[in-house]
Amino acid sequence: MNHHIVVERFGIRLRPIKMDDADFIYQIRRSPELSKYIGELDSRFSVHQSWLEQYFQRDGDYYFCIELLTGKPVGTIAIYDIANDAGNWGRWVVSPSVPAAPASVWLIFHVAFDLLGLSSVYSNTVIDNASVVSFHDNCGLARTGIEKGGLTIHGTAYDVVIHTVMKEDWPSIQQRLERPAALAERLLLEAD
């Protein structure tokens, strides 16, 4: 979906994905380290590019590039499948060399609740992706279900943990994310 939402805080910016980002997205989503728990990806760049072109025509799909304030892209995140004031937040991939996780989640929840006015957001995470499941738990996201065999990757079915955040829980989650996001911002500034 073509949108114009740009938000920044903690040394990180979320800005709309552009076609110019196609190669970056393709590379980061195919990184062996980062793609272990991402659903099946077609290896052909042309298929990826076609999917991205179709994305711009879809309503209710807010796909962002996570970038440093210098403009360097470091990841992606999105809110999509919006229906009945709820949306799925995902497509979350962040370069492991950049401490952008707390800030990017803070910003995507800010978009969801403060800008889009959603009443809830949920995410689906492969249960074996222990670091992300733990991150969500530690941020205060409620585990609201497990989808048995919810995602197949390279022929193997994985259970998926569903975490949900209600709008009324956003202020407490916001507080839990602010300290690690501010610390990460300091690390980013020291790295410059």
C-alpha atoms as a PDB file:
ATOM      1  CA  MET A   1       0.000   0.000   0.000  1.00  0.00           C
ATOM      2  CA  ASN A   2       1.321   3.395  -0.834  1.00  0.00           C
ATOM      3  CA  HIS A   3       1.338   5.272   2.459  1.00  0.00           C
ATOM      4  CA  HIS A   4       3.200   8.287   3.773  1.00  0.00           C
ATOM      5  CA  ILE A   5       3.749   7.418   7.430  1.00  0.00           C
ATOM      6  CA  VAL A   6       7.240   8.239   8.681  1.00  0.00           C
ATOM      7  CA  VAL A   7       8.095   7.990  12.384  1.00  0.00           C
ATOM      8  CA  GLU A   8      11.393   8.187  14.198  1.00  0.00           C
ATOM      9  CA  ARG A   9      12.663   7.899  17.723  1.00  0.00           C
ATOM     10  CA  PHE A  10      15.574   6.294  19.549  1.00  0.00           C
ATOM     11  CA  GLY A  11      17.911   6.782  16.574  1.00  0.00           C
ATOM     12  CA  ILE A  12      15.682   4.684  14.302  1.00  0.00           C
ATOM     13  CA  ARG A  13      13.256   5.692  11.567  1.00  0.00           C
ATOM     14  CA  LEU A  14      10.389   3.774   9.999  1.00  0.00           C
ATOM     15  CA  ARG A  15       9.586   4.961   6.498  1.00  0.00           C
ATOM     16  CA  PRO A  16       7.457   3.486   3.722  1.00  0.00           C
ATOM     17  CA  ILE A  17       9.027   0.739   1.636  1.00  0.00           C
ATOM     18  CA  LYS A  18       9.839   1.839  -1.929  1.00  0.00           C
ATOM     19  CA  MET A  19      10.638  -0.164  -5.045  1.00  0.00           C
ATOM     20  CA  ASP A  20      14.227   1.025  -4.598  1.00  0.00           C
ATOM     21  CA  ASP A  21      14.318  -1.155  -1.447  1.00  0.00           C
ATOM     22  CA  ALA A  22      13.604  -4.371  -3.382  1.00  0.00           C
ATOM     23  CA  ASP A  23      17.210  -5.597  -3.433  1.00  0.00           C
ATOM     24  CA  PHE A  24      17.800  -4.780   0.255  1.00  0.00           C
ATOM     25  CA  ILE A  25      14.610  -6.607   1.288  1.00  0.00           C
ATOM     26  CA  TYR A  26      15.443  -9.587  -0.910  1.00  0.00           C
ATOM     27  CA  GLN A  27      18.949  -9.852   0.559  1.00  0.00           C
ATOM     28  CA  ILE A  28      17.994  -9.448   4.228  1.00  0.00           C
ATOM     29  CA  ARG A  29      15.088 -11.911   3.966  1.00  0.00           C
ATOM     30  CA  ARG A  30      17.370 -14.496   2.325  1.00  0.00           C
ATOM     31  CA  SER A  31      20.196 -14.124   4.848  1.00  0.00           C
ATOM     32  CA  PRO A  32      20.786 -17.626   6.305  1.00  0.00           C
ATOM     33  CA  GLU A  33      21.067 -16.209   9.821  1.00  0.00           C
ATOM     34  CA  LEU A  34      17.834 -14.200   9.595  1.00  0.00           C
ATOM     35  CA  SER A  35      15.650 -16.361   7.353  1.00  0.00           C
ATOM     36  CA  LYS A  36      15.717 -19.522   9.446  1.00  0.00           C
ATOM     37  CA  TYR A  37      12.163 -18.932  10.721  1.00  0.00           C
ATOM     38  CA  ILE A  38      10.681 -17.045   7.761  1.00  0.00           C
ATOM     39  CA  GLY A  39       8.169 -18.897   5.591  1.00  0.00           C
ATOM     40  CA  GLU A  40       9.075 -20.282   2.187  1.00  0.00           C
ATOM     41  CA  LEU A  41      10.727 -17.719  -0.074  1.00  0.00           C
ATOM     42  CA  ASP A  42      11.027 -18.057  -3.821  1.00  0.00           C
ATOM     43  CA  SER A  43      14.670 -17.750  -4.830  1.00  0.00           C
ATOM     44  CA  ARG A  44      13.851 -15.748  -7.957  1.00  0.00           C
ATOM     45  CA  PHE A  45      14.297 -12.000  -7.530  1.00  0.00           C
ATOM     46  CA  SER A  46      11.628 -11.383 -10.194  1.00  0.00           C
ATOM     47  CA  VAL A  47       9.013 -13.135  -8.009  1.00  0.00           C
ATOM     48  CA  HIS A  48      10.031 -10.998  -5.029  1.00  0.00           C
ATOM     49  CA  GLN A  49       9.868  -7.849  -7.151  1.00  0.00           C
ATOM     50  CA  SER A  50       6.411  -8.803  -8.453  1.00  0.00           C
ATOM     51  CA  TRP A  51       5.184  -9.368  -4.876  1.00  0.00           C
ATOM     52  CA  LEU A  52       6.464  -5.917  -3.927  1.00  0.00           C
ATOM     53  CA  GLU A  53       4.729  -4.308  -6.912  1.00  0.00           C
ATOM     54  CA  GLN A  54       1.461  -5.978  -5.831  1.00  0.00           C
ATOM     55  CA  TYR A  55       2.002  -4.772  -2.252  1.00  0.00           C
ATOM     56  CA  PHE A  56       1.657  -1.163  -3.417  1.00  0.00           C
ATOM     57  CA  GLN A  57      -1.874  -1.962  -4.650  1.00  0.00           C
ATOM     58  CA  ARG A  58      -3.086  -3.601  -1.392  1.00  0.00           C
ATOM     59  CA  ASP A  59      -5.100  -1.626   1.119  1.00  0.00           C
ATOM     60  CA  GLY A  60      -4.493  -2.083   4.831  1.00  0.00           C
ATOM     61  CA  ASP A  61      -0.856  -3.112   4.427  1.00  0.00           C
ATOM     62  CA  TYR A  62       1.743  -0.771   5.940  1.00  0.00           C
ATOM     63  CA  TYR A  63       5.248  -2.013   5.113  1.00  0.00           C
ATOM     64  CA  PHE A  64       8.209  -0.073   6.500  1.00  0.00           C
ATOM     65  CA  CYS A  65      11.931   0.048   6.061  1.00  0.00           C
ATOM     66  CA  ILE A  66      13.726   0.300   9.406  1.00  0.00           C
ATOM     67  CA  GLU A  67      16.642   2.649   8.918  1.00  0.00           C
ATOM     68  CA  LEU A  68      19.193   4.587  10.899  1.00  0.00           C
ATOM     69  CA  LEU A  69      18.783   8.360  10.914  1.00  0.00           C
ATOM     70  CA  THR A  70      21.620   8.444   8.379  1.00  0.00           C
ATOM     71  CA  GLY A  71      19.285   6.673   5.935  1.00  0.00           C
ATOM     72  CA  LYS A  72      21.069   3.304   6.115  1.00  0.00           C
ATOM     73  CA  PRO A  73      18.468   0.488   5.926  1.00  0.00           C
ATOM     74  CA  VAL A  74      18.783  -2.106   8.689  1.00  0.00           C
ATOM     75  CA  GLY A  75      15.514  -4.044   8.505  1.00  0.00           C
ATOM     76  CA  THR A  76      11.817  -4.232   7.758  1.00  0.00           C
ATOM     77  CA  ILE A  77       8.575  -4.313   9.748  1.00  0.00           C
ATOM     78  CA  ALA A  78       4.890  -4.113   8.820  1.00  0.00           C
ATOM     79  CA  ILE A  79       1.274  -4.007   9.912  1.00  0.00           C
ATOM     80  CA  TYR A  80      -1.001  -5.900   7.544  1.00  0.00           C
ATOM     81  CA  ASP A  81      -4.158  -8.039   7.305  1.00  0.00           C
ATOM     82  CA  ILE A  82      -6.075  -5.247   9.030  1.00  0.00           C
ATOM     83  CA  ALA A  83      -9.690  -6.144   9.767  1.00  0.00           C
ATOM     84  CA  ASN A  84     -12.112  -5.192  12.541  1.00  0.00           C
ATOM     85  CA  ASP A  85      -9.637  -2.696  14.062  1.00  0.00           C
ATOM     86  CA  ALA A  86      -6.956  -5.400  14.452  1.00  0.00           C
ATOM     87  CA  GLY A  87      -3.834  -6.069  12.448  1.00  0.00           C
ATOM     88  CA  ASN A  88      -0.970  -8.506  12.141  1.00  0.00           C
ATOM     89  CA  TRP A  89       2.433  -6.988  12.799  1.00  0.00           C
ATOM     90  CA  GLY A  90       5.320  -8.834  11.285  1.00  0.00           C
ATOM     91  CA  ARG A  91       7.692  -9.030   8.332  1.00  0.00           C
ATOM     92  CA  TRP A  92      10.075  -8.042  11.112  1.00  0.00           C
ATOM     93  CA  VAL A  93      13.658  -8.636  10.101  1.00  0.00           C
ATOM     94  CA  VAL A  94      16.512  -6.622  11.626  1.00  0.00           C
ATOM     95  CA  SER A  95      20.224  -6.826  10.911  1.00  0.00           C
ATOM     96  CA  PRO A  96      21.810  -8.531  13.942  1.00  0.00           C
ATOM     97  CA  SER A  97      24.625  -5.973  13.986  1.00  0.00           C
ATOM     98  CA  VAL A  98      22.220  -3.108  14.772  1.00  0.00           C
ATOM     99  CA  PRO A  99      20.362  -2.868  18.114  1.00  0.00           C
ATOM    100  CA  ALA A 100      17.097  -1.717  16.537  1.00  0.00           C
ATOM    101  CA  ALA A 101      14.621  -4.282  17.905  1.00  0.00           C
ATOM    102  CA  PRO A 102      13.171  -2.345  20.878  1.00  0.00           C
ATOM    103  CA  ALA A 103      12.910   0.931  18.938  1.00  0.00           C
ATOM    104  CA  SER A 104      11.363  -0.657  15.850  1.00  0.00           C
ATOM    105  CA  VAL A 105       8.719  -2.437  17.941  1.00  0.00           C
ATOM    106  CA  TRP A 106       8.018   0.753  19.926  1.00  0.00           C
ATOM    107  CA  LEU A 107       7.570   2.634  16.645  1.00  0.00           C
ATOM    108  CA  ILE A 108       5.341   0.005  14.984  1.00  0.00           C
ATOM    109  CA  PHE A 109       3.058  -0.065  18.044  1.00  0.00           C
ATOM    110  CA  HIS A 110       2.986   3.747  17.979  1.00  0.00           C
ATOM    111  CA  VAL A 111       1.863   3.553  14.343  1.00  0.00           C
ATOM    112  CA  ALA A 112      -0.728   0.864  15.116  1.00  0.00           C
ATOM    113  CA  PHE A 113      -2.337   2.451  18.155  1.00  0.00           C
ATOM    114  CA  ASP A 114      -1.611   6.185  18.004  1.00  0.00           C
ATOM    115  CA  LEU A 115      -1.724   6.817  14.245  1.00  0.00           C
ATOM    116  CA  LEU A 116      -3.928   4.076  12.769  1.00  0.00           C
ATOM    117  CA  GLY A 117      -6.180   3.790  15.830  1.00  0.00           C
ATOM    118  CA  LEU A 118      -6.205  -0.007  15.898  1.00  0.00           C
ATOM    119  CA  SER A 119      -7.638  -1.753  18.956  1.00  0.00           C
ATOM    120  CA  SER A 120      -5.157  -4.649  18.836  1.00  0.00           C
ATOM    121  CA  VAL A 121      -2.225  -6.130  16.960  1.00  0.00           C
ATOM    122  CA  TYR A 122      -0.942  -9.681  16.939  1.00  0.00           C
ATOM    123  CA  SER A 123       2.150 -11.475  15.714  1.00  0.00           C
ATOM    124  CA  ASN A 124       2.907 -15.040  14.688  1.00  0.00           C
ATOM    125  CA  THR A 125       6.341 -16.383  15.663  1.00  0.00           C
ATOM    126  CA  VAL A 126       7.761 -19.854  15.097  1.00  0.00           C
ATOM    127  CA  ILE A 127       8.000 -21.365  18.580  1.00  0.00           C
ATOM    128  CA  ASP A 128      11.604 -22.492  17.925  1.00  0.00           C
ATOM    129  CA  ASN A 129      12.602 -18.842  17.387  1.00  0.00           C
ATOM    130  CA  ALA A 130      13.351 -18.609  21.101  1.00  0.00           C
ATOM    131  CA  SER A 131      15.008 -15.182  21.073  1.00  0.00           C
ATOM    132  CA  VAL A 132      12.011 -13.486  19.421  1.00  0.00           C
ATOM    133  CA  VAL A 133       9.429 -15.367  21.512  1.00  0.00           C
ATOM    134  CA  SER A 134      11.384 -14.374  24.642  1.00  0.00           C
ATOM    135  CA  PHE A 135      11.640 -10.748  23.468  1.00  0.00           C
ATOM    136  CA  HIS A 136       7.858 -10.611  23.013  1.00  0.00           C
ATOM    137  CA  ASP A 137       7.252 -12.220  26.417  1.00  0.00           C
ATOM    138  CA  ASN A 138       9.659  -9.815  28.148  1.00  0.00           C
ATOM    139  CA  CYS A 139       7.989  -6.807  26.524  1.00  0.00           C
ATOM    140  CA  GLY A 140       4.688  -7.853  28.083  1.00  0.00           C
ATOM    141  CA  LEU A 141       2.954  -9.104  24.943  1.00  0.00           C
ATOM    142  CA  ALA A 142       0.249 -11.618  25.885  1.00  0.00           C
ATOM    143  CA  ARG A 143       0.544 -15.154  24.528  1.00  0.00           C
ATOM    144  CA  THR A 144      -2.929 -15.750  23.165  1.00  0.00           C
ATOM    145  CA  GLY A 145      -2.476 -19.027  21.341  1.00  0.00           C
ATOM    146  CA  ILE A 146      -0.356 -21.616  19.637  1.00  0.00           C
ATOM    147  CA  GLU A 147      -1.129 -22.646  16.093  1.00  0.00           C
ATOM    148  CA  LYS A 148       0.017 -26.251  15.696  1.00  0.00           C
ATOM    149  CA  GLY A 149       1.899 -26.692  12.418  1.00  0.00           C
ATOM    150  CA  GLY A 150       1.126 -23.070  11.561  1.00  0.00           C
ATOM    151  CA  LEU A 151       4.101 -22.524   9.269  1.00  0.00           C
ATOM    152  CA  THR A 152       5.968 -24.873   6.960  1.00  0.00           C
ATOM    153  CA  ILE A 153       9.613 -24.100   6.216  1.00  0.00           C
ATOM    154  CA  HIS A 154      11.604 -26.355   3.884  1.00  0.00           C
ATOM    155  CA  GLY A 155       9.056 -29.131   4.335  1.00  0.00           C
ATOM    156  CA  THR A 156       9.010 -28.994   8.141  1.00  0.00           C
ATOM    157  CA  ALA A 157       5.855 -27.883   9.968  1.00  0.00           C
ATOM    158  CA  TYR A 158       6.469 -25.561  12.922  1.00  0.00           C
ATOM    159  CA  ASP A 159       4.138 -24.510  15.709  1.00  0.00           C
ATOM    160  CA  VAL A 160       3.552 -20.764  15.866  1.00  0.00           C
ATOM    161  CA  VAL A 161       3.132 -18.656  19.025  1.00  0.00           C
ATOM    162  CA  ILE A 162       0.534 -15.900  18.730  1.00  0.00           C
ATOM    163  CA  HIS A 163       1.200 -12.793  20.827  1.00  0.00           C
ATOM    164  CA  THR A 164      -1.439 -10.071  21.074  1.00  0.00           C
ATOM    165  CA  VAL A 165      -1.267  -6.475  22.272  1.00  0.00           C
ATOM    166  CA  MET A 166      -4.465  -4.621  23.120  1.00  0.00           C
ATOM    167  CA  LYS A 167      -4.544  -0.840  22.805  1.00  0.00           C
ATOM    168  CA  GLU A 168      -5.171  -0.473  26.545  1.00  0.00           C
ATOM    169  CA  ASP A 169      -1.925  -2.394  27.223  1.00  0.00           C
ATOM    170  CA  TRP A 170       0.145  -0.141  24.952  1.00  0.00           C
ATOM    171  CA  PRO A 171       1.080   2.393  27.707  1.00  0.00           C
ATOM    172  CA  SER A 172       2.657  -0.292  29.927  1.00  0.00           C
ATOM    173  CA  ILE A 173       4.392  -1.990  26.978  1.00  0.00           C
ATOM    174  CA  GLN A 174       5.551   1.432  25.807  1.00  0.00           C
ATOM    175  CA  GLN A 175       7.255   1.954  29.173  1.00  0.00           C
ATOM    176  CA  ARG A 176       8.867  -1.496  29.056  1.00  0.00           C
ATOM    177  CA  LEU A 177      10.323  -0.801  25.599  1.00  0.00           C
ATOM    178  CA  GLU A 178      11.559   2.747  26.247  1.00  0.00           C
ATOM    179  CA  ARG A 179      14.528   1.881  28.462  1.00  0.00           C
ATOM    180  CA  PRO A 180      16.089  -0.749  26.150  1.00  0.00           C
ATOM    181  CA  ALA A 181      15.317   1.438  23.124  1.00  0.00           C
ATOM    182  CA  ALA A 182      17.069   4.424  24.742  1.00  0.00           C
ATOM    183  CA  LEU A 183      20.062   2.240  25.651  1.00  0.00           C
ATOM    184  CA  ALA A 184      20.224   0.945  22.074  1.00  0.00           C
ATOM    185  CA  GLU A 185      20.137   4.537  20.824  1.00  0.00           C
ATOM    186  CA  ARG A 186      23.205   5.309  22.948  1.00  0.00           C
ATOM    187  CA  LEU A 187      24.997   2.322  21.410  1.00  0.00           C
ATOM    188  CA  LEU A 188      24.078   3.549  17.932  1.00  0.00           C
ATOM    189  CA  LEU A 189      25.414   7.029  18.705  1.00  0.00           C
ATOM    190  CA  GLU A 190      28.659   5.628  20.127  1.00  0.00           C
ATOM    191  CA  ALA A 191      29.130   3.510  16.989  1.00  0.00           C
ATOM    192  CA  ASP A 192      29.036   6.613  14.742  1.00  0.00           C
END
